Amino acid sequence: MALNHNELVGTIRCNYTKNLELENLDLDYYAKQYQMEKVGDAHPLYTSITGRFMVQSNFRGNGIGLKIIQALYKQQLLDGIKFDFIDAEA
């Protein structure tokens, strides 16, 4: 999440696929939805699903979104994630 003077201005959600069943989410549904089998043995231990990426409109265009993505990417690398499937809406 991104804060500006203790005000939430941006956020992102990432679920590690190996933990989906712990979160009561249907692993098979997401595996089919994103064709996760295409990454071979990396799935499900080294895959993740990212979504709910939001930045308040008055804070867009100043790099906050990029910083959120960079922070997530660095954490995923530390956690051994090799493939991230991004769920996005236009």
PDB file of N, CA and C in Angstrom:
ATOM      1  N   MET A   1       0.836  -1.169   0.000  1.00  0.00           N
ATOM      2  CA  MET A   1       0.000   0.000   0.000  1.00  0.00           C
ATOM      3  C   MET A   1       0.881   1.232   0.000  1.00  0.00           C
ATOM      4  N   ALA A   2       0.349   2.329  -0.472  1.00  0.00           N
ATOM      5  CA  ALA A   2       1.073   3.600  -0.501  1.00  0.00           C
ATOM      6  C   ALA A   2       0.324   4.624   0.337  1.00  0.00           C
ATOM      7  N   LEU A   3       1.086   5.322   1.161  1.00  0.00           N
ATOM      8  CA  LEU A   3       0.507   6.339   2.031  1.00  0.00           C
ATOM      9  C   LEU A   3       1.094   7.702   1.708  1.00  0.00           C
ATOM     10  N   ASN A   4       0.290   8.724   1.868  1.00  0.00           N
ATOM     11  CA  ASN A   4       0.727  10.107   1.745  1.00  0.00           C
ATOM     12  C   ASN A   4       0.208  10.828   2.985  1.00  0.00           C
ATOM     13  N   HIS A   5       1.109  11.182   3.892  1.00  0.00           N
ATOM     14  CA  HIS A   5       0.717  11.805   5.162  1.00  0.00           C
ATOM     15  C   HIS A   5      -0.355  10.990   5.876  1.00  0.00           C
ATOM     16  N   ASN A   6      -0.094   9.683   5.999  1.00  0.00           N
ATOM     17  CA  ASN A   6      -0.987   8.723   6.668  1.00  0.00           C
ATOM     18  C   ASN A   6      -2.322   8.510   5.967  1.00  0.00           C
ATOM     19  N   GLU A   7      -2.461   8.990   4.745  1.00  0.00           N
ATOM     20  CA  GLU A   7      -3.672   8.758   3.952  1.00  0.00           C
ATOM     21  C   GLU A   7      -3.360   7.691   2.906  1.00  0.00           C
ATOM     22  N   LEU A   8      -4.213   6.667   2.828  1.00  0.00           N
ATOM     23  CA  LEU A   8      -4.051   5.616   1.834  1.00  0.00           C
ATOM     24  C   LEU A   8      -4.310   6.191   0.444  1.00  0.00           C
ATOM     25  N   VAL A   9      -3.323   6.082  -0.444  1.00  0.00           N
ATOM     26  CA  VAL A   9      -3.482   6.614  -1.794  1.00  0.00           C
ATOM     27  C   VAL A   9      -3.312   5.547  -2.875  1.00  0.00           C
ATOM     28  N   GLY A  10      -2.858   4.357  -2.498  1.00  0.00           N
ATOM     29  CA  GLY A  10      -2.703   3.289  -3.477  1.00  0.00           C
ATOM     30  C   GLY A  10      -2.553   1.937  -2.809  1.00  0.00           C
ATOM     31  N   THR A  11      -2.962   0.891  -3.534  1.00  0.00           N
ATOM     32  CA  THR A  11      -2.881  -0.457  -2.993  1.00  0.00           C
ATOM     33  C   THR A  11      -2.820  -1.482  -4.116  1.00  0.00           C
ATOM     34  N   ILE A  12      -2.412  -2.685  -3.753  1.00  0.00           N
ATOM     35  CA  ILE A  12      -2.384  -3.808  -4.691  1.00  0.00           C
ATOM     36  C   ILE A  12      -2.588  -5.081  -3.889  1.00  0.00           C
ATOM     37  N   ARG A  13      -3.175  -6.084  -4.518  1.00  0.00           N
ATOM     38  CA  ARG A  13      -3.361  -7.373  -3.833  1.00  0.00           C
ATOM     39  C   ARG A  13      -2.640  -8.445  -4.633  1.00  0.00           C
ATOM     40  N   CYS A  14      -1.934  -9.297  -3.920  1.00  0.00           N
ATOM     41  CA  CYS A  14      -1.249 -10.417  -4.553  1.00  0.00           C
ATOM     42  C   CYS A  14      -1.472 -11.664  -3.715  1.00  0.00           C
ATOM     43  N   ASN A  15      -1.950 -12.717  -4.362  1.00  0.00           N
ATOM     44  CA  ASN A  15      -2.138 -14.011  -3.698  1.00  0.00           C
ATOM     45  C   ASN A  15      -1.119 -14.992  -4.251  1.00  0.00           C
ATOM     46  N   TYR A  16      -0.360 -15.624  -3.358  1.00  0.00           N
ATOM     47  CA  TYR A  16       0.557 -16.670  -3.775  1.00  0.00           C
ATOM     48  C   TYR A  16      -0.279 -17.924  -4.000  1.00  0.00           C
ATOM     49  N   THR A  17      -0.135 -18.504  -5.166  1.00  0.00           N
ATOM     50  CA  THR A  17      -0.989 -19.618  -5.563  1.00  0.00           C
ATOM     51  C   THR A  17      -0.899 -20.780  -4.584  1.00  0.00           C
ATOM     52  N   LYS A  18       0.268 -21.018  -4.021  1.00  0.00           N
ATOM     53  CA  LYS A  18       0.426 -22.130  -3.070  1.00  0.00           C
ATOM     54  C   LYS A  18      -0.428 -21.934  -1.815  1.00  0.00           C
ATOM     55  N   ASN A  19      -0.917 -20.725  -1.579  1.00  0.00           N
ATOM     56  CA  ASN A  19      -1.723 -20.429  -0.395  1.00  0.00           C
ATOM     57  C   ASN A  19      -3.215 -20.280  -0.687  1.00  0.00           C
ATOM     58  N   LEU A  20      -3.638 -20.450  -1.925  1.00  0.00           N
ATOM     59  CA  LEU A  20      -5.043 -20.200  -2.275  1.00  0.00           C
ATOM     60  C   LEU A  20      -6.005 -21.063  -1.474  1.00  0.00           C
ATOM     61  N   GLU A  21      -5.669 -22.325  -1.303  1.00  0.00           N
ATOM     62  CA  GLU A  21      -6.590 -23.204  -0.573  1.00  0.00           C
ATOM     63  C   GLU A  21      -6.683 -22.806   0.891  1.00  0.00           C
ATOM     64  N   LEU A  22      -5.602 -22.261   1.455  1.00  0.00           N
ATOM     65  CA  LEU A  22      -5.643 -21.772   2.831  1.00  0.00           C
ATOM     66  C   LEU A  22      -6.579 -20.582   2.964  1.00  0.00           C
ATOM     67  N   GLU A  23      -6.760 -19.853   1.869  1.00  0.00           N
ATOM     68  CA  GLU A  23      -7.630 -18.679   1.854  1.00  0.00           C
ATOM     69  C   GLU A  23      -9.037 -19.026   1.354  1.00  0.00           C
ATOM     70  N   ASN A  24      -9.329 -20.329   1.276  1.00  0.00           N
ATOM     71  CA  ASN A  24     -10.628 -20.824   0.804  1.00  0.00           C
ATOM     72  C   ASN A  24     -10.944 -20.383  -0.619  1.00  0.00           C
ATOM     73  N   LEU A  25      -9.913 -20.302  -1.463  1.00  0.00           N
ATOM     74  CA  LEU A  25     -10.099 -19.980  -2.872  1.00  0.00           C
ATOM     75  C   LEU A  25      -9.850 -21.236  -3.700  1.00  0.00           C
ATOM     76  N   ASP A  26     -10.521 -21.351  -4.818  1.00  0.00           N
ATOM     77  CA  ASP A  26     -10.468 -22.543  -5.654  1.00  0.00           C
ATOM     78  C   ASP A  26      -9.254 -22.502  -6.582  1.00  0.00           C
ATOM     79  N   LEU A  27      -8.233 -23.270  -6.228  1.00  0.00           N
ATOM     80  CA  LEU A  27      -7.002 -23.304  -7.012  1.00  0.00           C
ATOM     81  C   LEU A  27      -7.260 -23.733  -8.451  1.00  0.00           C
ATOM     82  N   ASP A  28      -8.102 -24.727  -8.657  1.00  0.00           N
ATOM     83  CA  ASP A  28      -8.383 -25.206 -10.017  1.00  0.00           C
ATOM     84  C   ASP A  28      -9.011 -24.124 -10.882  1.00  0.00           C
ATOM     85  N   TYR A  29      -9.908 -23.334 -10.305  1.00  0.00           N
ATOM     86  CA  TYR A  29     -10.543 -22.251 -11.063  1.00  0.00           C
ATOM     87  C   TYR A  29      -9.489 -21.286 -11.604  1.00  0.00           C
ATOM     88  N   TYR A  30      -8.591 -20.836 -10.732  1.00  0.00           N
ATOM     89  CA  TYR A  30      -7.585 -19.865 -11.150  1.00  0.00           C
ATOM     90  C   TYR A  30      -6.560 -20.483 -12.097  1.00  0.00           C
ATOM     91  N   ALA A  31      -6.219 -21.734 -11.873  1.00  0.00           N
ATOM     92  CA  ALA A  31      -5.272 -22.408 -12.761  1.00  0.00           C
ATOM     93  C   ALA A  31      -5.818 -22.468 -14.183  1.00  0.00           C
ATOM     94  N   LYS A  32      -7.098 -22.752 -14.310  1.00  0.00           N
ATOM     95  CA  LYS A  32      -7.732 -22.788 -15.635  1.00  0.00           C
ATOM     96  C   LYS A  32      -7.887 -21.385 -16.203  1.00  0.00           C
ATOM     97  N   GLN A  33      -8.343 -20.455 -15.381  1.00  0.00           N
ATOM     98  CA  GLN A  33      -8.576 -19.075 -15.812  1.00  0.00           C
ATOM     99  C   GLN A  33      -7.331 -18.454 -16.441  1.00  0.00           C
ATOM    100  N   TYR A  34      -6.168 -18.697 -15.824  1.00  0.00           N
ATOM    101  CA  TYR A  34      -4.925 -18.071 -16.269  1.00  0.00           C
ATOM    102  C   TYR A  34      -3.998 -19.029 -17.002  1.00  0.00           C
ATOM    103  N   GLN A  35      -4.459 -20.247 -17.266  1.00  0.00           N
ATOM    104  CA  GLN A  35      -3.663 -21.252 -17.969  1.00  0.00           C
ATOM    105  C   GLN A  35      -2.284 -21.421 -17.310  1.00  0.00           C
ATOM    106  N   MET A  36      -2.308 -21.564 -16.016  1.00  0.00           N
ATOM    107  CA  MET A  36      -1.075 -21.629 -15.236  1.00  0.00           C
ATOM    108  C   MET A  36      -0.223 -22.859 -15.528  1.00  0.00           C
ATOM    109  N   GLU A  37      -0.826 -23.887 -16.114  1.00  0.00           N
ATOM    110  CA  GLU A  37      -0.047 -25.079 -16.443  1.00  0.00           C
ATOM    111  C   GLU A  37       1.055 -24.776 -17.464  1.00  0.00           C
ATOM    112  N   LYS A  38       0.923 -23.664 -18.164  1.00  0.00           N
ATOM    113  CA  LYS A  38       1.916 -23.302 -19.182  1.00  0.00           C
ATOM    114  C   LYS A  38       3.286 -22.979 -18.593  1.00  0.00           C
ATOM    115  N   VAL A  39       3.360 -22.732 -17.292  1.00  0.00           N
ATOM    116  CA  VAL A  39       4.665 -22.461 -16.672  1.00  0.00           C
ATOM    117  C   VAL A  39       5.284 -23.728 -16.084  1.00  0.00           C
ATOM    118  N   GLY A  40       4.659 -24.864 -16.338  1.00  0.00           N
ATOM    119  CA  GLY A  40       5.217 -26.153 -15.947  1.00  0.00           C
ATOM    120  C   GLY A  40       5.292 -26.357 -14.446  1.00  0.00           C
ATOM    121  N   ASP A  41       6.429 -26.886 -14.010  1.00  0.00           N
ATOM    122  CA  ASP A  41       6.599 -27.252 -12.601  1.00  0.00           C
ATOM    123  C   ASP A  41       6.638 -26.061 -11.652  1.00  0.00           C
ATOM    124  N   ALA A  42       6.736 -24.864 -12.172  1.00  0.00           N
ATOM    125  CA  ALA A  42       6.744 -23.674 -11.310  1.00  0.00           C
ATOM    126  C   ALA A  42       5.403 -23.482 -10.611  1.00  0.00           C
ATOM    127  N   HIS A  43       4.346 -24.011 -11.215  1.00  0.00           N
ATOM    128  CA  HIS A  43       3.008 -23.880 -10.640  1.00  0.00           C
ATOM    129  C   HIS A  43       2.696 -25.088  -9.790  1.00  0.00           C
ATOM    130  N   PRO A  44       2.205 -24.969  -8.578  1.00  0.00           N
ATOM    131  CA  PRO A  44       1.711 -23.782  -7.902  1.00  0.00           C
ATOM    132  C   PRO A  44       2.693 -23.154  -6.901  1.00  0.00           C
ATOM    133  N   LEU A  45       3.837 -23.770  -6.694  1.00  0.00           N
ATOM    134  CA  LEU A  45       4.720 -23.275  -5.630  1.00  0.00           C
ATOM    135  C   LEU A  45       5.349 -21.920  -5.908  1.00  0.00           C
ATOM    136  N   TYR A  46       5.545 -21.583  -7.176  1.00  0.00           N
ATOM    137  CA  TYR A  46       6.279 -20.359  -7.512  1.00  0.00           C
ATOM    138  C   TYR A  46       5.481 -19.416  -8.397  1.00  0.00           C
ATOM    139  N   THR A  47       4.164 -19.447  -8.258  1.00  0.00           N
ATOM    140  CA  THR A  47       3.301 -18.565  -9.040  1.00  0.00           C
ATOM    141  C   THR A  47       2.435 -17.723  -8.111  1.00  0.00           C
ATOM    142  N   SER A  48       1.962 -16.609  -8.644  1.00  0.00           N
ATOM    143  CA  SER A  48       1.087 -15.728  -7.877  1.00  0.00           C
ATOM    144  C   SER A  48       0.088 -15.059  -8.809  1.00  0.00           C
ATOM    145  N   ILE A  49      -0.943 -14.496  -8.202  1.00  0.00           N
ATOM    146  CA  ILE A  49      -1.977 -13.766  -8.945  1.00  0.00           C
ATOM    147  C   ILE A  49      -2.095 -12.375  -8.337  1.00  0.00           C
ATOM    148  N   THR A  50      -1.933 -11.375  -9.173  1.00  0.00           N
ATOM    149  CA  THR A  50      -2.001  -9.983  -8.713  1.00  0.00           C
ATOM    150  C   THR A  50      -3.238  -9.314  -9.288  1.00  0.00           C
ATOM    151  N   GLY A  51      -3.884  -8.524  -8.467  1.00  0.00           N
ATOM    152  CA  GLY A  51      -5.057  -7.777  -8.902  1.00  0.00           C
ATOM    153  C   GLY A  51      -5.359  -6.668  -7.917  1.00  0.00           C
ATOM    154  N   ARG A  52      -6.465  -6.010  -8.118  1.00  0.00           N
ATOM    155  CA  ARG A  52      -6.896  -4.924  -7.235  1.00  0.00           C
ATOM    156  C   ARG A  52      -5.822  -3.850  -7.071  1.00  0.00           C
ATOM    157  N   PHE A  53      -5.223  -3.480  -8.188  1.00  0.00           N
ATOM    158  CA  PHE A  53      -4.204  -2.435  -8.195  1.00  0.00           C
ATOM    159  C   PHE A  53      -4.908  -1.105  -8.396  1.00  0.00           C
ATOM    160  N   MET A  54      -4.805  -0.242  -7.391  1.00  0.00           N
ATOM    161  CA  MET A  54      -5.521   1.025  -7.451  1.00  0.00           C
ATOM    162  C   MET A  54      -4.669   2.163  -6.901  1.00  0.00           C
ATOM    163  N   VAL A  55      -4.782   3.312  -7.548  1.00  0.00           N
ATOM    164  CA  VAL A  55      -4.162   4.553  -7.071  1.00  0.00           C
ATOM    165  C   VAL A  55      -5.243   5.629  -7.163  1.00  0.00           C
ATOM    166  N   GLN A  56      -5.397   6.408  -6.103  1.00  0.00           N
ATOM    167  CA  GLN A  56      -6.386   7.492  -6.131  1.00  0.00           C
ATOM    168  C   GLN A  56      -6.129   8.382  -7.350  1.00  0.00           C
ATOM    169  N   SER A  57      -7.201   8.806  -7.993  1.00  0.00           N
ATOM    170  CA  SER A  57      -7.068   9.553  -9.251  1.00  0.00           C
ATOM    171  C   SER A  57      -6.212  10.805  -9.116  1.00  0.00           C
ATOM    172  N   ASN A  58      -6.305  11.505  -8.004  1.00  0.00           N
ATOM    173  CA  ASN A  58      -5.526  12.737  -7.858  1.00  0.00           C
ATOM    174  C   ASN A  58      -4.047  12.466  -7.561  1.00  0.00           C
ATOM    175  N   PHE A  59      -3.651  11.185  -7.413  1.00  0.00           N
ATOM    176  CA  PHE A  59      -2.251  10.841  -7.193  1.00  0.00           C
ATOM    177  C   PHE A  59      -1.648  10.100  -8.380  1.00  0.00           C
ATOM    178  N   ARG A  60      -2.415   9.905  -9.431  1.00  0.00           N
ATOM    179  CA  ARG A  60      -1.908   9.197 -10.614  1.00  0.00           C
ATOM    180  C   ARG A  60      -0.956  10.093 -11.400  1.00  0.00           C
ATOM    181  N   GLY A  61      -0.004   9.449 -12.054  1.00  0.00           N
ATOM    182  CA  GLY A  61       0.925  10.178 -12.911  1.00  0.00           C
ATOM    183  C   GLY A  61       2.144  10.724 -12.199  1.00  0.00           C
ATOM    184  N   ASN A  62       2.310  10.376 -10.926  1.00  0.00           N
ATOM    185  CA  ASN A  62       3.476  10.904 -10.209  1.00  0.00           C
ATOM    186  C   ASN A  62       4.421   9.806  -9.728  1.00  0.00           C
ATOM    187  N   GLY A  63       4.236   8.583 -10.206  1.00  0.00           N
ATOM    188  CA  GLY A  63       5.160   7.502  -9.889  1.00  0.00           C
ATOM    189  C   GLY A  63       4.763   6.604  -8.736  1.00  0.00           C
ATOM    190  N   ILE A  64       3.666   6.908  -8.053  1.00  0.00           N
ATOM    191  CA  ILE A  64       3.250   6.062  -6.933  1.00  0.00           C
ATOM    192  C   ILE A  64       2.913   4.653  -7.411  1.00  0.00           C
ATOM    193  N   GLY A  65       2.208   4.544  -8.515  1.00  0.00           N
ATOM    194  CA  GLY A  65       1.866   3.231  -9.053  1.00  0.00           C
ATOM    195  C   GLY A  65       3.100   2.398  -9.357  1.00  0.00           C
ATOM    196  N   LEU A  66       4.082   3.013  -9.965  1.00  0.00           N
ATOM    197  CA  LEU A  66       5.333   2.316 -10.269  1.00  0.00           C
ATOM    198  C   LEU A  66       6.019   1.847  -8.990  1.00  0.00           C
ATOM    199  N   LYS A  67       6.027   2.668  -7.976  1.00  0.00           N
ATOM    200  CA  LYS A  67       6.665   2.295  -6.700  1.00  0.00           C
ATOM    201  C   LYS A  67       5.945   1.109  -6.047  1.00  0.00           C
ATOM    202  N   ILE A  68       4.620   1.083  -6.148  1.00  0.00           N
ATOM    203  CA  ILE A  68       3.864  -0.040  -5.603  1.00  0.00           C
ATOM    204  C   ILE A  68       4.241  -1.324  -6.336  1.00  0.00           C
ATOM    205  N   ILE A  69       4.271  -1.270  -7.656  1.00  0.00           N
ATOM    206  CA  ILE A  69       4.627  -2.447  -8.464  1.00  0.00           C
ATOM    207  C   ILE A  69       6.053  -2.896  -8.159  1.00  0.00           C
ATOM    208  N   GLN A  70       6.987  -1.957  -8.050  1.00  0.00           N
ATOM    209  CA  GLN A  70       8.375  -2.306  -7.747  1.00  0.00           C
ATOM    210  C   GLN A  70       8.500  -2.978  -6.382  1.00  0.00           C
ATOM    211  N   ALA A  71       7.785  -2.472  -5.394  1.00  0.00           N
ATOM    212  CA  ALA A  71       7.833  -3.060  -4.058  1.00  0.00           C
ATOM    213  C   ALA A  71       7.288  -4.488  -4.073  1.00  0.00           C
ATOM    214  N   LEU A  72       6.185  -4.697  -4.796  1.00  0.00           N
ATOM    215  CA  LEU A  72       5.616  -6.037  -4.901  1.00  0.00           C
ATOM    216  C   LEU A  72       6.594  -6.969  -5.606  1.00  0.00           C
ATOM    217  N   TYR A  73       7.181  -6.509  -6.704  1.00  0.00           N
ATOM    218  CA  TYR A  73       8.127  -7.330  -7.470  1.00  0.00           C
ATOM    219  C   TYR A  73       9.316  -7.752  -6.607  1.00  0.00           C
ATOM    220  N   LYS A  74       9.860  -6.829  -5.844  1.00  0.00           N
ATOM    221  CA  LYS A  74      10.986  -7.143  -4.962  1.00  0.00           C
ATOM    222  C   LYS A  74      10.588  -8.192  -3.924  1.00  0.00           C
ATOM    223  N   GLN A  75       9.398  -8.066  -3.361  1.00  0.00           N
ATOM    224  CA  GLN A  75       8.938  -9.043  -2.375  1.00  0.00           C
ATOM    225  C   GLN A  75       8.729 -10.403  -3.015  1.00  0.00           C
ATOM    226  N   GLN A  76       8.162 -10.419  -4.217  1.00  0.00           N
ATOM    227  CA  GLN A  76       7.961 -11.691  -4.911  1.00  0.00           C
ATOM    228  C   GLN A  76       9.296 -12.384  -5.172  1.00  0.00           C
ATOM    229  N   LEU A  77      10.303 -11.635  -5.566  1.00  0.00           N
ATOM    230  CA  LEU A  77      11.619 -12.230  -5.790  1.00  0.00           C
ATOM    231  C   LEU A  77      12.169 -12.830  -4.499  1.00  0.00           C
ATOM    232  N   LEU A  78      12.042 -12.103  -3.406  1.00  0.00           N
ATOM    233  CA  LEU A  78      12.500 -12.615  -2.114  1.00  0.00           C
ATOM    234  C   LEU A  78      11.766 -13.898  -1.715  1.00  0.00           C
ATOM    235  N   ASP A  79      10.500 -13.989  -2.087  1.00  0.00           N
ATOM    236  CA  ASP A  79       9.672 -15.142  -1.734  1.00  0.00           C
ATOM    237  C   ASP A  79       9.754 -16.285  -2.750  1.00  0.00           C
ATOM    238  N   GLY A  80      10.569 -16.128  -3.780  1.00  0.00           N
ATOM    239  CA  GLY A  80      10.767 -17.192  -4.764  1.00  0.00           C
ATOM    240  C   GLY A  80       9.729 -17.276  -5.858  1.00  0.00           C
ATOM    241  N   ILE A  81       8.900 -16.261  -6.002  1.00  0.00           N
ATOM    242  CA  ILE A  81       7.889 -16.269  -7.065  1.00  0.00           C
ATOM    243  C   ILE A  81       8.582 -16.070  -8.411  1.00  0.00           C
ATOM    244  N   LYS A  82       8.253 -16.961  -9.359  1.00  0.00           N
ATOM    245  CA  LYS A  82       8.860 -16.898 -10.694  1.00  0.00           C
ATOM    246  C   LYS A  82       7.906 -16.372 -11.761  1.00  0.00           C
ATOM    247  N   PHE A  83       6.605 -16.567 -11.541  1.00  0.00           N
ATOM    248  CA  PHE A  83       5.605 -16.139 -12.519  1.00  0.00           C
ATOM    249  C   PHE A  83       4.433 -15.495 -11.782  1.00  0.00           C
ATOM    250  N   ASP A  84       4.042 -14.314 -12.235  1.00  0.00           N
ATOM    251  CA  ASP A  84       2.901 -13.617 -11.669  1.00  0.00           C
ATOM    252  C   ASP A  84       1.860 -13.413 -12.759  1.00  0.00           C
ATOM    253  N   PHE A  85       0.638 -13.781 -12.464  1.00  0.00           N
ATOM    254  CA  PHE A  85      -0.468 -13.617 -13.411  1.00  0.00           C
ATOM    255  C   PHE A  85      -1.282 -12.413 -12.950  1.00  0.00           C
ATOM    256  N   ILE A  86      -1.358 -11.404 -13.809  1.00  0.00           N
ATOM    257  CA  ILE A  86      -2.003 -10.153 -13.441  1.00  0.00           C
ATOM    258  C   ILE A  86      -3.430 -10.139 -13.961  1.00  0.00           C
ATOM    259  N   ASP A  87      -4.370  -9.955 -13.057  1.00  0.00           N
ATOM    260  CA  ASP A  87      -5.775  -9.851 -13.386  1.00  0.00           C
ATOM    261  C   ASP A  87      -6.107  -8.369 -13.472  1.00  0.00           C
ATOM    262  N   ALA A  88      -6.515  -7.921 -14.643  1.00  0.00           N
ATOM    263  CA  ALA A  88      -6.740  -6.496 -14.827  1.00  0.00           C
ATOM    264  C   ALA A  88      -8.045  -6.222 -15.579  1.00  0.00           C
ATOM    265  N   GLU A  89      -8.609  -5.070 -15.304  1.00  0.00           N
ATOM    266  CA  GLU A  89      -9.769  -4.573 -16.036  1.00  0.00           C
ATOM    267  C   GLU A  89      -9.388  -3.250 -16.668  1.00  0.00           C
ATOM    268  N   ALA A  90      -9.959  -2.977 -17.796  1.00  0.00           N
ATOM    269  CA  ALA A  90      -9.668  -1.715 -18.481  1.00  0.00           C
ATOM    270  C   ALA A  90     -10.297  -0.548 -17.775  1.00  0.00           C
TER     271      ALA A  90
END
